[in-house]
Amino acid sequence: MDAKREVTIDIHGMGVIEAKAYLLDFLDSSFSDYDSVKVIHGFKGGSALLNMVRNELNSKHVKNKILTLNNGITILVLK
């Protein structure tokens, strides 16, 4: 049984367009290397990145989005 492989990506300080492009590029190039991606987007400085990751980010490589108890983190479960 393979261990879960998770990578953490911190998009603090990025603009929404930049962060979305970065995440989509990462998913397209690295999705088969990981089971999940922990996205640290924050929320106290505003909810633009949180909303983008949870509501606007669409990728054929994402099977599910897990909304954690920490509103600054979303986990993307990959196919």
Protein backbone atom coordinates (compact mmCIF):
# COMPACT_ATOMS: atom_id res chain seq x y z
CA MET A 1 0.00 0.00 0.00
CA ASP A 2 1.44 3.35 -1.05
CA ALA A 3 1.67 6.16 1.46
CA LYS A 4 -0.36 9.25 0.75
CA ARG A 5 1.66 11.86 -1.04
CA GLU A 6 0.65 15.41 -0.27
CA VAL A 7 2.34 18.62 -1.31
CA THR A 8 1.75 22.02 0.27
CA ILE A 9 1.48 25.16 -1.84
CA ASP A 10 1.35 28.61 -0.25
CA ILE A 11 -0.26 31.26 -2.44
CA HIS A 12 -0.23 34.07 0.15
CA GLY A 13 0.60 37.41 -1.38
CA MET A 14 -0.37 36.40 -4.92
CA GLY A 15 -3.13 38.07 -6.85
CA VAL A 16 -6.12 35.93 -7.80
CA ILE A 17 -5.18 35.68 -11.49
CA GLU A 18 -1.56 34.83 -10.70
CA ALA A 19 -2.53 32.26 -8.05
CA LYS A 20 -5.10 30.56 -10.28
CA ALA A 21 -2.63 30.30 -13.18
CA TYR A 22 0.06 28.96 -10.82
CA LEU A 23 -2.24 26.29 -9.36
CA LEU A 24 -3.61 25.19 -12.74
CA ASP A 25 -0.09 24.95 -14.18
CA PHE A 26 1.07 22.95 -11.16
CA LEU A 27 -1.89 20.58 -11.42
CA ASP A 28 -1.36 20.05 -15.14
CA SER A 29 2.33 19.29 -14.73
CA SER A 30 2.46 17.42 -11.40
CA PHE A 31 -0.95 15.86 -10.71
CA SER A 32 0.30 12.28 -11.11
CA ASP A 33 3.04 12.80 -8.51
CA TYR A 34 0.64 13.51 -5.62
CA ASP A 35 -2.60 12.31 -4.08
CA SER A 36 -3.51 15.72 -2.72
CA VAL A 37 -2.46 19.35 -2.61
CA LYS A 38 -2.78 21.40 0.57
CA VAL A 39 -3.35 24.97 -0.58
CA ILE A 40 -2.60 27.67 1.97
CA HIS A 41 -4.52 30.70 0.77
CA GLY A 42 -5.28 32.51 4.00
CA PHE A 43 -8.50 34.37 4.76
CA LYS A 44 -7.88 37.06 7.34
CA GLY A 45 -6.52 39.51 4.77
CA GLY A 46 -9.56 38.99 2.55
CA SER A 47 -11.45 36.15 0.97
CA ALA A 48 -10.50 36.54 -2.72
CA LEU A 49 -7.99 33.66 -2.76
CA LEU A 50 -10.21 31.49 -0.58
CA ASN A 51 -13.14 32.02 -2.97
CA MET A 52 -11.00 31.35 -6.02
CA VAL A 53 -9.68 28.04 -4.68
CA ARG A 54 -12.99 26.82 -3.27
CA ASN A 55 -15.44 28.14 -5.87
CA GLU A 56 -13.69 29.12 -9.10
CA LEU A 57 -10.75 26.72 -9.49
CA ASN A 58 -11.76 24.00 -11.93
CA SER A 59 -9.30 21.36 -13.04
CA LYS A 60 -9.84 17.95 -14.59
CA HIS A 61 -7.26 16.65 -12.09
CA VAL A 62 -9.22 17.60 -8.95
CA LYS A 63 -11.61 14.95 -7.67
CA ASN A 64 -12.75 16.72 -4.52
CA LYS A 65 -12.09 19.79 -2.39
CA ILE A 66 -11.88 19.39 1.38
CA LEU A 67 -12.79 22.48 3.37
CA THR A 68 -10.74 22.25 6.54
CA LEU A 69 -11.52 23.65 9.97
CA ASN A 70 -8.79 26.19 9.26
CA ASN A 71 -10.47 28.59 6.81
CA GLY A 72 -7.06 29.51 5.41
CA ILE A 73 -6.44 26.02 3.99
CA THR A 74 -8.20 23.94 1.35
CA ILE A 75 -7.12 20.44 0.37
CA LEU A 76 -7.46 19.41 -3.25
CA VAL A 77 -7.88 15.64 -3.63
CA LEU A 78 -6.49 14.58 -6.98
CA LYS A 79 -7.70 11.88 -9.37
